[in-house]
Each structure stands twice: as structure tokens, then as C-alpha cells.
N, C-alpha and C. Protein backbone atom coordinates (compact mmCIF):
# COMPACT_ATOMS: atom_id res chain seq x y z
N MET A 1 -68.35 285.17 5.50
CA MET A 1 -67.84 284.91 7.01
C MET A 1 -66.69 285.59 7.24
N THR A 2 -66.38 286.08 8.15
CA THR A 2 -65.29 286.82 8.65
C THR A 2 -64.21 285.81 9.01
N GLY A 3 -63.05 286.12 8.39
CA GLY A 3 -61.96 284.96 9.07
C GLY A 3 -61.23 285.73 10.24
N GLU A 4 -60.54 284.79 10.92
CA GLU A 4 -59.51 285.29 11.97
C GLU A 4 -58.49 286.48 11.18
N GLY A 5 -58.24 287.47 11.70
CA GLY A 5 -57.34 288.45 11.48
C GLY A 5 -57.89 289.40 10.43
N THR A 6 -58.96 289.25 9.85
CA THR A 6 -59.78 289.99 9.16
C THR A 6 -59.88 291.52 9.65
N ILE A 7 -59.62 292.32 8.70
CA ILE A 7 -59.68 294.09 9.13
C ILE A 7 -61.11 294.32 8.86
N ARG A 8 -61.88 294.95 9.91
CA ARG A 8 -63.41 295.45 9.87
C ARG A 8 -63.22 296.94 9.52
N VAL A 9 -63.79 297.46 8.20
CA VAL A 9 -63.78 298.64 7.98
C VAL A 9 -65.06 299.15 7.56
N ALA A 10 -65.33 300.34 8.10
CA ALA A 10 -66.52 301.39 7.75
C ALA A 10 -66.09 302.40 6.86
N ILE A 11 -67.11 303.06 6.33
CA ILE A 11 -66.75 304.28 5.31
C ILE A 11 -67.62 305.22 5.47
N VAL A 12 -67.22 306.53 5.49
CA VAL A 12 -68.11 307.60 5.64
C VAL A 12 -67.51 308.63 4.56
N GLU A 13 -68.55 308.50 3.34
CA GLU A 13 -68.01 309.37 2.46
C GLU A 13 -69.18 309.81 1.68
N ASP A 14 -69.53 310.93 1.18
CA ASP A 14 -70.84 311.75 0.75
C ASP A 14 -71.09 311.39 -0.97
N LYS A 15 -69.77 311.21 -1.69
CA LYS A 15 -69.98 311.03 -2.94
C LYS A 15 -70.23 309.34 -3.24
N ASP A 16 -71.54 309.38 -4.06
CA ASP A 16 -72.03 307.89 -3.96
C ASP A 16 -70.85 307.16 -4.90
N GLU A 17 -70.54 307.32 -5.82
CA GLU A 17 -69.57 306.82 -6.61
C GLU A 17 -68.25 306.26 -5.76
N ILE A 18 -67.82 307.38 -5.32
CA ILE A 18 -66.60 306.82 -4.41
C ILE A 18 -66.94 306.02 -3.30
N ARG A 19 -67.91 306.29 -2.66
CA ARG A 19 -68.49 305.43 -1.52
C ARG A 19 -68.67 303.93 -1.99
N PHE A 20 -69.22 303.78 -2.97
CA PHE A 20 -69.38 302.31 -3.54
C PHE A 20 -68.42 301.73 -3.95
N GLY A 21 -67.03 302.44 -4.57
CA GLY A 21 -66.29 302.02 -5.14
C GLY A 21 -64.97 301.49 -3.98
N LEU A 22 -65.10 302.34 -2.96
CA LEU A 22 -64.21 302.02 -1.74
C LEU A 22 -65.32 300.55 -1.01
N SER A 23 -66.38 300.48 -0.91
CA SER A 23 -67.03 299.23 -0.37
C SER A 23 -66.83 298.24 -1.23
N ARG A 24 -66.69 298.24 -2.63
CA ARG A 24 -66.35 297.06 -3.49
C ARG A 24 -65.01 296.53 -3.11
N LEU A 25 -63.91 297.92 -3.22
CA LEU A 25 -62.44 297.14 -3.04
C LEU A 25 -62.31 296.50 -1.84
N ILE A 26 -62.81 297.35 -0.65
CA ILE A 26 -62.63 296.57 0.63
C ILE A 26 -63.35 295.31 0.77
N GLY A 27 -64.59 295.20 0.56
CA GLY A 27 -65.16 293.92 0.47
C GLY A 27 -64.80 292.85 -0.51
N GLY A 28 -64.25 293.22 -1.35
CA GLY A 28 -63.76 292.15 -2.31
C GLY A 28 -62.38 291.89 -1.93
N SER A 29 -61.51 292.42 -1.11
CA SER A 29 -60.08 292.28 -0.78
C SER A 29 -60.08 291.23 0.30
N GLU A 30 -58.97 290.26 -0.03
CA GLU A 30 -58.71 289.55 0.97
C GLU A 30 -58.16 290.01 2.38
N GLY A 31 -59.00 289.58 3.30
CA GLY A 31 -58.12 290.20 4.76
C GLY A 31 -59.02 291.39 5.29
N PHE A 32 -60.01 292.01 4.62
CA PHE A 32 -61.11 293.08 4.74
C PHE A 32 -62.35 292.64 4.72
N GLU A 33 -63.20 293.22 5.37
CA GLU A 33 -64.34 293.56 5.27
C GLU A 33 -65.01 294.48 5.68
N CYS A 34 -65.93 294.84 4.54
CA CYS A 34 -66.51 296.38 4.72
C CYS A 34 -67.73 296.05 5.59
N THR A 35 -67.78 296.74 6.82
CA THR A 35 -69.07 296.50 7.77
C THR A 35 -70.15 297.59 7.68
N GLY A 36 -69.83 298.81 6.80
CA GLY A 36 -71.03 299.60 6.77
C GLY A 36 -70.26 300.84 5.95
N SER A 37 -71.16 301.68 5.23
CA SER A 37 -70.99 302.59 4.61
C SER A 37 -72.00 303.93 4.74
N PHE A 38 -71.59 305.07 4.97
CA PHE A 38 -72.33 306.10 5.35
C PHE A 38 -71.95 307.34 4.58
N ALA A 39 -73.40 308.25 4.37
CA ALA A 39 -72.95 309.30 3.19
C ALA A 39 -72.96 310.55 4.26
N THR A 40 -73.45 310.52 5.44
CA THR A 40 -73.44 311.48 6.35
C THR A 40 -72.57 311.25 7.75
N MET A 41 -72.02 311.87 8.22
CA MET A 41 -71.60 311.82 9.65
C MET A 41 -72.52 311.29 10.70
N GLU A 42 -73.71 312.24 10.29
CA GLU A 42 -74.97 311.56 11.29
C GLU A 42 -75.29 310.36 11.10
N ASP A 43 -75.29 309.67 9.82
CA ASP A 43 -75.55 308.48 9.81
C ASP A 43 -74.40 307.44 10.74
N ALA A 44 -73.31 307.86 10.31
CA ALA A 44 -72.08 307.19 11.04
C ALA A 44 -72.43 307.05 12.59
N LEU A 45 -72.69 308.32 13.13
CA LEU A 45 -72.73 308.31 14.38
C LEU A 45 -73.91 307.56 14.85
N GLU A 46 -74.99 307.40 14.42
CA GLU A 46 -76.36 306.90 14.92
C GLU A 46 -75.82 305.12 14.67
N ASN A 47 -75.33 304.74 13.74
CA ASN A 47 -75.26 303.34 13.34
C ASN A 47 -73.96 302.53 13.69
N LEU A 48 -72.76 303.26 13.57
CA LEU A 48 -71.56 302.72 13.87
C LEU A 48 -71.44 301.85 15.49
N PRO A 49 -71.86 302.56 16.20
CA PRO A 49 -72.05 301.94 17.61
C PRO A 49 -72.58 300.53 17.80
N ASN A 50 -73.66 300.29 16.83
CA ASN A 50 -74.21 299.10 16.66
C ASN A 50 -72.77 297.86 16.18
N ASP A 51 -72.25 298.52 15.41
CA ASP A 51 -71.14 297.55 14.95
C ASP A 51 -69.98 298.24 14.39
N LEU A 52 -69.14 298.45 15.55
CA LEU A 52 -68.02 299.20 15.59
C LEU A 52 -66.89 298.54 14.85
N PRO A 53 -66.26 299.05 13.71
CA PRO A 53 -65.34 298.50 12.80
C PRO A 53 -63.92 298.57 13.62
N ASP A 54 -63.15 297.97 13.11
CA ASP A 54 -61.35 298.27 13.55
C ASP A 54 -61.08 299.63 12.86
N VAL A 55 -61.28 299.95 12.03
CA VAL A 55 -61.02 300.89 11.21
C VAL A 55 -62.18 301.91 10.32
N LEU A 56 -62.02 303.06 10.78
CA LEU A 56 -62.99 304.11 9.97
C LEU A 56 -62.34 304.74 9.03
N LEU A 57 -62.61 304.66 7.78
CA LEU A 57 -62.35 305.41 6.75
C LEU A 57 -63.15 306.70 6.41
N ASN A 58 -62.73 307.94 6.73
CA ASN A 58 -63.58 308.91 7.12
C ASN A 58 -63.03 310.34 5.89
N ASP A 59 -64.00 310.88 4.87
CA ASP A 59 -64.01 311.85 4.63
C ASP A 59 -64.11 312.93 5.47
N LEU A 60 -63.80 314.13 4.97
CA LEU A 60 -63.71 315.31 5.54
C LEU A 60 -65.03 316.40 5.18
N GLY A 61 -64.91 316.36 4.08
CA GLY A 61 -65.81 317.61 3.33
C GLY A 61 -67.29 316.71 3.41
N LEU A 62 -67.92 316.88 4.29
CA LEU A 62 -69.38 316.23 4.37
C LEU A 62 -70.62 317.14 4.41
N PRO A 63 -71.74 316.80 3.94
CA PRO A 63 -72.86 317.95 4.13
C PRO A 63 -72.98 317.72 5.58
N ASN A 64 -73.54 319.22 6.25
CA ASN A 64 -73.92 319.31 7.35
C ASN A 64 -72.68 319.05 8.40
N MET A 65 -72.87 318.02 9.48
CA MET A 65 -71.96 318.06 10.26
C MET A 65 -70.37 317.46 9.12
N THR A 66 -69.33 318.19 9.74
CA THR A 66 -67.89 318.02 9.12
C THR A 66 -67.35 316.48 9.65
N GLY A 67 -66.54 315.95 8.89
CA GLY A 67 -65.84 314.61 9.15
C GLY A 67 -64.88 315.30 10.18
N ALA A 68 -64.21 316.20 10.72
CA ALA A 68 -63.52 316.52 11.97
C ALA A 68 -64.40 316.43 12.92
N GLU A 69 -65.55 317.07 13.03
CA GLU A 69 -66.41 317.08 14.01
C GLU A 69 -66.88 315.61 14.42
N GLY A 70 -67.28 314.89 13.46
CA GLY A 70 -67.95 313.73 13.73
C GLY A 70 -66.66 312.73 14.40
N ILE A 71 -65.25 312.81 13.88
CA ILE A 71 -64.26 312.20 14.41
C ILE A 71 -64.01 312.49 15.52
N ALA A 72 -63.98 313.76 16.09
CA ALA A 72 -63.88 314.28 17.68
C ALA A 72 -65.12 313.41 18.59
N ILE A 73 -66.05 313.36 18.14
CA ILE A 73 -67.26 312.96 19.00
C ILE A 73 -66.84 311.40 19.03
N LEU A 74 -66.71 310.76 17.73
CA LEU A 74 -66.32 309.31 17.87
C LEU A 74 -65.33 308.72 18.86
N LYS A 75 -64.04 309.81 18.65
CA LYS A 75 -62.96 309.50 19.50
C LYS A 75 -63.21 309.59 21.03
N SER A 76 -64.14 310.63 21.23
CA SER A 76 -64.15 310.71 22.83
C SER A 76 -64.94 309.59 23.44
N LYS A 77 -65.96 309.07 22.38
CA LYS A 77 -66.58 307.83 23.00
C LYS A 77 -65.88 306.64 22.69
N TYR A 78 -65.11 306.44 21.51
CA TYR A 78 -64.42 305.01 21.48
C TYR A 78 -62.88 305.47 21.17
N PRO A 79 -62.34 305.76 22.28
CA PRO A 79 -60.81 306.19 21.99
C PRO A 79 -59.99 305.18 21.08
N ASP A 80 -60.47 303.95 21.31
CA ASP A 80 -59.19 302.91 20.40
C ASP A 80 -59.96 302.84 18.98
N LEU A 81 -60.99 303.54 18.52
CA LEU A 81 -61.29 303.42 17.29
C LEU A 81 -60.02 304.21 16.54
N LYS A 82 -59.59 303.29 15.30
CA LYS A 82 -58.58 303.83 14.44
C LYS A 82 -59.40 304.75 13.19
N VAL A 83 -58.87 305.82 12.81
CA VAL A 83 -59.81 306.54 12.08
C VAL A 83 -58.33 306.94 10.99
N LEU A 84 -58.95 306.66 9.80
CA LEU A 84 -57.94 306.94 8.61
C LEU A 84 -58.73 307.92 7.62
N ILE A 85 -58.45 309.28 7.66
CA ILE A 85 -59.00 310.36 6.54
C ILE A 85 -58.49 310.22 5.33
N LEU A 86 -59.44 310.10 4.56
CA LEU A 86 -59.58 310.13 2.72
C LEU A 86 -60.36 311.12 2.38
N THR A 87 -59.43 312.23 1.79
CA THR A 87 -60.15 313.52 1.61
C THR A 87 -59.45 314.16 0.39
N VAL A 88 -59.98 315.37 -0.37
CA VAL A 88 -59.18 315.75 -1.17
C VAL A 88 -58.44 317.16 -0.70
N PHE A 89 -58.65 317.50 0.45
CA PHE A 89 -58.29 318.58 1.27
C PHE A 89 -56.89 318.39 1.66
N ASP A 90 -56.10 319.20 1.12
CA ASP A 90 -54.51 319.34 1.63
C ASP A 90 -53.98 320.40 2.31
N ASP A 91 -54.69 321.16 2.71
CA ASP A 91 -54.64 322.63 3.04
C ASP A 91 -54.41 322.44 4.73
N ASP A 92 -53.67 323.45 5.01
CA ASP A 92 -53.14 323.39 6.62
C ASP A 92 -54.02 322.79 7.78
N ASP A 93 -55.15 323.89 7.54
CA ASP A 93 -56.42 323.95 8.31
C ASP A 93 -56.84 322.68 8.28
N GLN A 94 -57.34 322.01 7.39
CA GLN A 94 -58.09 320.99 7.40
C GLN A 94 -57.07 319.74 8.17
N ILE A 95 -55.84 319.55 7.36
CA ILE A 95 -54.93 318.68 8.30
C ILE A 95 -55.14 318.77 9.75
N ILE A 96 -54.62 320.00 10.36
CA ILE A 96 -54.75 320.23 11.75
C ILE A 96 -56.12 319.64 12.23
N ASP A 97 -57.28 320.26 11.58
CA ASP A 97 -58.48 319.85 12.13
C ASP A 97 -58.60 318.24 12.25
N GLY A 98 -58.15 317.79 11.17
CA GLY A 98 -58.47 316.06 11.07
C GLY A 98 -57.69 315.43 12.12
N ILE A 99 -56.12 315.81 12.33
CA ILE A 99 -55.38 315.21 13.31
C ILE A 99 -55.68 315.80 14.74
N CYS A 100 -56.12 316.75 14.86
CA CYS A 100 -56.62 316.89 16.14
C CYS A 100 -58.07 316.57 16.78
N ALA A 101 -58.63 316.02 15.49
CA ALA A 101 -59.97 315.49 15.82
C ALA A 101 -59.66 313.99 16.34
N GLY A 102 -58.53 313.45 16.15
CA GLY A 102 -58.31 311.89 16.49
C GLY A 102 -58.02 311.14 15.29
N ALA A 103 -57.75 311.67 14.16
CA ALA A 103 -57.55 310.84 12.91
C ALA A 103 -55.75 310.36 13.13
N SER A 104 -55.63 308.84 12.93
CA SER A 104 -54.07 308.69 12.93
C SER A 104 -53.74 308.60 11.49
N GLY A 105 -54.37 308.76 10.36
CA GLY A 105 -53.83 308.63 9.18
C GLY A 105 -54.48 309.60 8.22
N TYR A 106 -53.87 310.15 7.18
CA TYR A 106 -54.33 311.05 6.38
C TYR A 106 -53.99 310.92 4.56
N LEU A 107 -55.15 310.19 4.10
CA LEU A 107 -54.73 310.13 2.63
C LEU A 107 -55.20 311.18 1.70
N LEU A 108 -54.60 311.56 0.48
CA LEU A 108 -55.52 312.19 -0.27
C LEU A 108 -56.36 311.09 -1.19
N LYS A 109 -57.48 311.79 -1.53
CA LYS A 109 -58.33 310.78 -2.64
C LYS A 109 -57.36 310.29 -3.95
N SER A 110 -56.65 310.89 -4.29
CA SER A 110 -55.53 310.52 -5.30
C SER A 110 -55.01 309.48 -5.14
N THR A 111 -54.72 308.87 -4.02
CA THR A 111 -53.82 307.79 -3.41
C THR A 111 -54.57 306.25 -4.25
N PRO A 112 -53.61 305.80 -5.03
CA PRO A 112 -54.18 304.54 -5.39
C PRO A 112 -54.64 303.35 -4.46
N MET A 113 -56.00 302.72 -5.16
CA MET A 113 -56.59 301.84 -4.38
C MET A 113 -55.65 300.72 -3.56
N PRO A 114 -54.65 300.07 -4.29
CA PRO A 114 -53.83 299.23 -3.46
C PRO A 114 -53.00 299.95 -2.37
N ILE A 115 -52.85 301.22 -2.40
CA ILE A 115 -51.99 301.91 -1.48
C ILE A 115 -53.15 302.11 -0.53
N ILE A 116 -54.13 302.42 -0.60
CA ILE A 116 -55.35 302.59 0.52
C ILE A 116 -55.52 301.35 1.40
N LEU A 117 -55.37 300.21 0.50
CA LEU A 117 -55.45 298.85 1.29
C LEU A 117 -54.16 298.66 2.48
N SER A 118 -53.16 298.83 1.68
CA SER A 118 -51.96 299.02 2.54
C SER A 118 -51.94 300.02 4.03
N ALA A 119 -52.61 301.20 3.44
CA ALA A 119 -52.60 302.31 4.43
C ALA A 119 -53.45 301.69 5.71
N ILE A 120 -54.50 301.08 5.15
CA ILE A 120 -55.81 300.57 6.28
C ILE A 120 -55.06 299.51 7.28
N ARG A 121 -54.46 298.49 6.65
CA ARG A 121 -53.60 297.51 7.28
C ARG A 121 -52.58 297.97 8.17
N GLU A 122 -51.75 299.07 7.81
CA GLU A 122 -50.66 299.58 8.63
C GLU A 122 -51.24 300.49 9.79
N LEU A 123 -52.53 301.55 9.51
CA LEU A 123 -53.07 301.88 10.62
C LEU A 123 -53.66 300.84 11.67
N ASN A 124 -54.23 299.83 11.10
CA ASN A 124 -54.57 298.72 11.96
C ASN A 124 -53.49 298.26 13.04
N GLU A 125 -52.40 297.89 12.25
CA GLU A 125 -51.09 297.61 12.90
C GLU A 125 -50.50 298.60 13.98
N GLY A 126 -51.11 299.83 14.10
CA GLY A 126 -50.54 300.61 14.90
C GLY A 126 -49.54 301.98 14.11
N GLY A 127 -49.53 302.04 12.74
CA GLY A 127 -48.86 302.93 12.11
C GLY A 127 -50.02 303.98 12.01
N ALA A 128 -49.10 305.16 11.15
CA ALA A 128 -49.82 306.37 10.88
C ALA A 128 -49.79 306.74 9.54
N PRO A 129 -50.14 306.24 8.70
CA PRO A 129 -50.09 306.28 7.06
C PRO A 129 -50.45 307.60 6.67
N MET A 130 -49.79 308.46 5.94
CA MET A 130 -49.59 309.59 5.39
C MET A 130 -49.67 309.74 3.92
N SER A 131 -50.16 310.36 3.06
CA SER A 131 -50.03 310.61 1.50
C SER A 131 -48.41 311.56 1.92
N PRO A 132 -47.66 311.27 1.03
CA PRO A 132 -46.24 312.08 1.03
C PRO A 132 -46.42 313.60 1.15
N GLU A 133 -47.31 314.28 0.41
CA GLU A 133 -47.47 315.33 0.51
C GLU A 133 -48.11 316.08 1.99
N ILE A 134 -48.93 314.97 2.57
CA ILE A 134 -49.45 315.60 3.72
C ILE A 134 -48.49 315.57 4.98
N ALA A 135 -47.52 314.22 4.75
CA ALA A 135 -46.46 314.22 5.86
C ALA A 135 -45.61 315.21 5.59
N LYS A 136 -45.29 315.91 4.41
CA LYS A 136 -44.52 316.92 4.37
C LYS A 136 -44.90 318.02 5.25
N ARG A 137 -46.27 318.45 4.67
CA ARG A 137 -46.82 319.35 5.36
C ARG A 137 -46.96 319.52 7.03
N VAL A 138 -46.94 318.34 7.66
CA VAL A 138 -47.36 318.00 8.88
C VAL A 138 -45.80 318.51 9.39
N MET A 139 -44.62 318.13 8.89
CA MET A 139 -43.37 318.15 9.41
C MET A 139 -43.40 319.74 9.46
N GLU A 140 -43.40 320.45 8.17
CA GLU A 140 -43.35 322.13 8.27
C GLU A 140 -43.96 322.48 9.21
N LEU A 141 -45.30 322.19 9.49
CA LEU A 141 -45.98 322.74 10.43
C LEU A 141 -45.77 322.67 12.05
N PHE A 142 -45.15 321.61 12.26
CA PHE A 142 -44.33 321.24 13.64
C PHE A 142 -43.22 322.17 13.75
N ARG A 143 -42.57 322.39 12.60
CA ARG A 143 -41.12 323.05 12.88
C ARG A 143 -41.64 324.41 12.61
N THR A 144 -42.70 325.26 12.48
CA THR A 144 -42.97 326.40 12.45
C THR A 144 -43.74 326.96 13.34
N SER A 145 -44.73 326.15 14.15
CA SER A 145 -45.85 326.39 15.07
C SER A 145 -45.27 325.90 16.11
N PRO A 146 -45.73 326.43 17.33
CA PRO A 146 -45.30 326.22 18.71
C PRO A 146 -46.70 325.39 19.01
N PRO A 147 -46.71 324.27 19.84
CA PRO A 147 -47.47 323.60 20.34
C PRO A 147 -48.75 324.57 21.01
N PRO A 148 -49.98 324.24 20.49
CA PRO A 148 -51.19 324.96 21.17
C PRO A 148 -51.21 325.13 22.37
N LYS A 149 -51.27 326.17 23.23
CA LYS A 149 -51.99 326.68 24.78
C LYS A 149 -53.23 326.38 24.91
N LYS A 150 -53.56 325.63 26.02
CA LYS A 150 -54.82 325.54 26.65
C LYS A 150 -55.32 326.86 26.69
N VAL A 151 -56.60 326.97 26.01
CA VAL A 151 -57.52 328.02 26.09
C VAL A 151 -58.75 327.85 26.92
N ASP A 152 -59.29 328.78 27.89
CA ASP A 152 -60.41 328.05 28.33
C ASP A 152 -61.81 328.76 27.79
N HIS A 153 -61.38 329.77 26.76
CA HIS A 153 -62.50 330.67 26.52
C HIS A 153 -63.20 331.41 27.86
N ASP A 154 -62.69 331.81 28.83
CA ASP A 154 -63.35 332.38 30.07
C ASP A 154 -64.72 331.83 30.30
N LEU A 155 -64.55 330.32 30.25
CA LEU A 155 -65.66 329.46 30.82
C LEU A 155 -65.63 329.33 32.18
N THR A 156 -66.79 329.61 32.92
CA THR A 156 -66.82 329.43 34.18
C THR A 156 -66.31 327.90 34.51
N PRO A 157 -66.02 327.59 35.89
CA PRO A 157 -65.99 326.10 36.48
C PRO A 157 -67.20 325.22 36.00
N HIS A 158 -68.36 325.90 36.53
CA HIS A 158 -69.66 325.43 36.07
C HIS A 158 -69.93 325.00 34.66
N GLU A 159 -69.50 325.94 33.81
CA GLU A 159 -69.54 326.04 32.29
C GLU A 159 -68.96 324.91 31.82
N THR A 160 -67.47 324.63 32.17
CA THR A 160 -66.66 323.81 31.99
C THR A 160 -66.91 322.34 32.44
N ARG A 161 -67.67 322.23 33.51
CA ARG A 161 -68.05 320.92 34.13
C ARG A 161 -69.37 320.40 32.75
N ILE A 162 -70.20 321.22 32.59
CA ILE A 162 -71.25 320.86 31.58
C ILE A 162 -70.65 320.64 30.44
N LEU A 163 -69.69 321.40 29.84
CA LEU A 163 -69.16 321.18 28.56
C LEU A 163 -68.28 319.66 28.39
N SER A 164 -67.82 319.30 29.83
CA SER A 164 -67.48 318.12 29.86
C SER A 164 -68.05 317.19 29.86
N MET A 165 -69.12 317.22 30.62
CA MET A 165 -70.48 316.41 30.25
C MET A 165 -71.14 316.11 28.85
N LEU A 166 -71.26 317.32 27.97
CA LEU A 166 -71.61 316.97 26.51
C LEU A 166 -70.27 315.94 25.81
N VAL A 167 -69.18 316.41 26.24
CA VAL A 167 -68.13 315.62 25.30
C VAL A 167 -68.20 314.21 25.87
N ASP A 168 -68.87 313.85 27.12
CA ASP A 168 -68.85 312.57 27.54
C ASP A 168 -70.13 311.76 27.12
N GLY A 169 -70.97 312.62 26.17
CA GLY A 169 -72.20 312.03 25.98
C GLY A 169 -73.43 312.10 26.36
N HIS A 170 -73.63 313.05 27.65
CA HIS A 170 -74.89 313.52 27.94
C HIS A 170 -75.75 314.43 27.28
N ASN A 171 -76.96 314.34 27.47
CA ASN A 171 -77.80 315.24 26.82
C ASN A 171 -78.50 316.32 28.02
N TYR A 172 -78.95 317.34 27.82
CA TYR A 172 -79.49 318.12 28.71
C TYR A 172 -80.19 317.37 30.14
N LYS A 173 -80.86 316.60 29.78
CA LYS A 173 -81.95 315.80 30.92
C LYS A 173 -80.80 315.04 31.81
N THR A 174 -79.92 314.30 31.19
CA THR A 174 -79.03 313.46 31.98
C THR A 174 -78.11 314.44 32.57
N ALA A 175 -77.50 315.39 31.89
CA ALA A 175 -76.68 316.50 32.58
C ALA A 175 -77.52 317.05 34.03
N ALA A 176 -78.91 317.52 33.57
CA ALA A 176 -79.63 318.25 34.76
C ALA A 176 -79.58 317.09 35.95
N ALA A 177 -80.00 315.94 35.65
CA ALA A 177 -79.98 314.84 36.48
C ALA A 177 -78.72 314.59 37.65
N GLU A 178 -77.74 314.49 36.88
CA GLU A 178 -76.45 314.61 37.60
C GLU A 178 -76.03 315.49 38.33
N LEU A 179 -76.44 316.95 38.10
CA LEU A 179 -76.08 318.27 38.60
C LEU A 179 -76.97 318.36 39.52
N GLY A 180 -78.04 317.64 39.36
CA GLY A 180 -79.42 318.09 40.51
C GLY A 180 -79.80 319.51 40.25
N VAL A 181 -79.73 319.72 38.76
CA VAL A 181 -80.55 321.17 38.40
C VAL A 181 -81.51 321.00 37.59
N SER A 182 -82.47 321.92 37.00
CA SER A 182 -83.26 321.45 36.16
C SER A 182 -82.79 321.99 34.81
N VAL A 183 -83.59 321.30 33.95
CA VAL A 183 -83.17 321.03 32.19
C VAL A 183 -83.07 322.69 31.66
N ASN A 184 -83.93 323.28 32.43
CA ASN A 184 -83.60 324.67 31.76
C ASN A 184 -82.45 325.28 32.36
N THR A 185 -82.11 325.12 33.51
CA THR A 185 -80.75 325.74 34.02
C THR A 185 -79.66 325.29 33.02
N VAL A 186 -79.67 323.98 32.45
CA VAL A 186 -78.58 323.21 31.84
C VAL A 186 -78.66 324.30 30.44
N SER A 187 -79.88 324.20 29.91
CA SER A 187 -80.02 324.79 28.57
C SER A 187 -79.56 326.21 28.83
N PHE A 188 -79.82 326.92 29.79
CA PHE A 188 -79.32 328.36 29.85
C PHE A 188 -77.93 328.34 29.86
N HIS A 189 -76.98 327.44 30.59
CA HIS A 189 -75.65 327.33 30.38
C HIS A 189 -75.01 327.04 29.18
N VAL A 190 -75.61 326.07 28.81
CA VAL A 190 -75.33 325.51 27.29
C VAL A 190 -75.05 326.67 26.50
N LYS A 191 -76.02 327.55 26.38
CA LYS A 191 -76.32 328.65 25.30
C LYS A 191 -75.12 329.64 25.61
N LYS A 192 -74.74 330.00 26.81
CA LYS A 192 -73.43 330.60 27.16
C LYS A 192 -72.32 330.29 26.57
N ILE A 193 -72.25 328.84 26.91
CA ILE A 193 -71.15 328.06 26.23
C ILE A 193 -70.93 328.37 24.87
N TYR A 194 -72.00 328.27 24.16
CA TYR A 194 -71.90 328.41 22.65
C TYR A 194 -71.42 329.57 22.52
N GLU A 195 -72.04 330.89 23.20
CA GLU A 195 -71.65 332.14 22.68
C GLU A 195 -70.35 332.33 22.94
N LYS A 196 -69.44 331.95 24.12
CA LYS A 196 -68.28 332.04 24.36
C LYS A 196 -67.18 331.14 23.70
N LEU A 197 -67.58 329.87 22.82
CA LEU A 197 -66.87 329.16 22.05
C LEU A 197 -67.24 329.68 20.49
N HIS A 198 -67.99 330.58 20.56
CA HIS A 198 -68.48 330.65 18.82
C HIS A 198 -68.79 329.49 18.07
N VAL A 199 -69.95 328.73 19.04
CA VAL A 199 -70.37 327.84 18.21
C VAL A 199 -71.78 327.66 17.92
N HIS A 200 -72.69 326.82 17.26
CA HIS A 200 -73.93 326.61 17.37
C HIS A 200 -74.71 325.51 17.48
N SER A 201 -73.78 324.51 17.60
CA SER A 201 -74.29 323.06 18.19
C SER A 201 -73.63 322.48 18.92
N LYS A 202 -74.26 321.14 19.66
CA LYS A 202 -73.64 320.58 20.51
C LYS A 202 -72.29 319.60 20.00
N SER A 203 -72.32 319.34 18.59
CA SER A 203 -71.03 318.71 18.00
C SER A 203 -70.08 319.50 17.48
N GLU A 204 -70.34 320.80 17.24
CA GLU A 204 -69.42 322.04 17.47
C GLU A 204 -68.84 322.35 18.46
N ALA A 205 -69.50 322.31 19.55
CA ALA A 205 -68.83 322.47 20.84
C ALA A 205 -67.93 321.32 21.34
N VAL A 206 -68.57 320.12 21.19
CA VAL A 206 -67.61 319.12 21.70
C VAL A 206 -66.53 319.04 20.60
N ALA A 207 -66.33 319.07 19.63
CA ALA A 207 -65.28 319.24 18.61
C ALA A 207 -64.33 320.30 19.08
N LYS A 208 -64.98 321.51 19.36
CA LYS A 208 -63.96 322.70 19.85
C LYS A 208 -63.37 322.38 21.12
N ALA A 209 -63.93 321.98 22.29
CA ALA A 209 -63.48 321.30 23.17
C ALA A 209 -62.37 320.55 23.08
N LEU A 210 -62.73 319.21 22.33
CA LEU A 210 -61.60 318.46 22.33
C LEU A 210 -60.14 319.00 21.58
N LYS A 211 -60.32 319.67 20.66
CA LYS A 211 -59.26 320.19 19.81
C LYS A 211 -58.78 321.53 20.60
N GLY A 212 -59.46 322.12 21.10
CA GLY A 212 -58.59 323.13 21.94
C GLY A 212 -58.11 322.75 23.30
N ASN A 213 -58.34 321.40 23.79
CA ASN A 213 -57.69 320.89 24.87
C ASN A 213 -58.65 321.74 26.18
N ILE A 214 -59.84 321.91 25.83
CA ILE A 214 -60.24 323.18 26.99
C ILE A 214 -60.83 322.11 28.12
N VAL A 215 -61.26 320.99 28.17
CA VAL A 215 -61.92 319.85 28.92
C VAL A 215 -60.72 318.86 29.06
N ASN A 216 -60.53 318.27 30.05
CA ASN A 216 -59.65 317.16 30.62
C ASN A 216 -60.45 315.67 30.08
């Protein structure tokens, strides 16, 4: 039974041993409840809406859809969802991708288990926990890199509108109905969008749109 003040946590991690270990840690710790654990981002996207947690503990290096891509999609649909990255990646590109996708915290998998629990609690209370190595890299990145400018990738206003609809969760059929055009017309424009963004799937397009501030 979940007590008042219990932090509900879901996990996305493809390594069985790590996923099971985190599930046991969270489920067996007072004040925490593990609401679900998923080996892929696709599984998480399908099942999380049925039982949305307070905090999502998310790996980045996942099979098929990456953690950053999935986080971007989840944050577009559930802006209040708190995401804590737990990964082996400590390079600049991965840090930027994870934070720009919407994560509020970033821990390395070398983090001791008690610190992971403390970080989940800190994040749930509005903090932004980071491993010391990551915090140092983030500070260096902000000092040496200017803020990214908005890039539209030469999208037409109509293509930008369709991309915005994809970000909002529309599929070809619902987008066509709202725009008053055929599904084939939407499909044609989406292919053009993919070409201009240099992506190959809806999830990649949504992630790039959010990270690049392409749509409002």
C-alpha cells in the first residue's frame, strides 16, 4: 500500500541486472514505490500513461529509440513529469541531448545506490541533482558555448505546423482531419520534413523539433 508522501518511480533501463537491482532498491526503500520497469523506450511510452510516476529514472543508451528521444516525447505530453537520467555516458553530446530533451537531473551509473535515492528525492522536491563530474561539464559548456539559436531548417509554415502537430501527439489521420486535407497530403509533407531535418522517424523528428526549438 502506498503511503502519503511516497515517491512513485518508474525505470527505463535495458540491462536486466541493473533494472532489477534498481527495482529492488526503490521498491524496498521506505518512502518510495516502483511503479514499473521497462527495457525499452517504446515499452515505456506505451505503458507509462496508464500509471504516470512522480519521477522517471531513465537510461540514455537504449536499443532502437534512444533515451533522449523518448524523454523529449514524454516531456512534450507530460511537462510536469520529472526525469532523472542514470547512464554511463559522460560526453558533452550526450549531456546536452539529455538535458535539452527535458531531463532535470543527470547521474552516472557509478553513483552509489543511497545517493541515487537521495537524488530521486531531491528531484521530486524541485532540485536538479547531478553527479559532480556532470555538473562540472555543464558549467564548462555554458561558459564556452553560446545559447543555441532557433533554426527552422527551411521548413515552410505549413510544414512547421504539421511538425508542431506531431509534437502534440497527432498521427497522419488526425492531422489530416484537423487540417482538412488527405492523409496522403500529410504523408507527403512529413516526408519533406524528415528530409529537411535529416531524420528517419516521427520520434526523431519530435526530439529534434523540441531540442532545436523549431516549434513553439
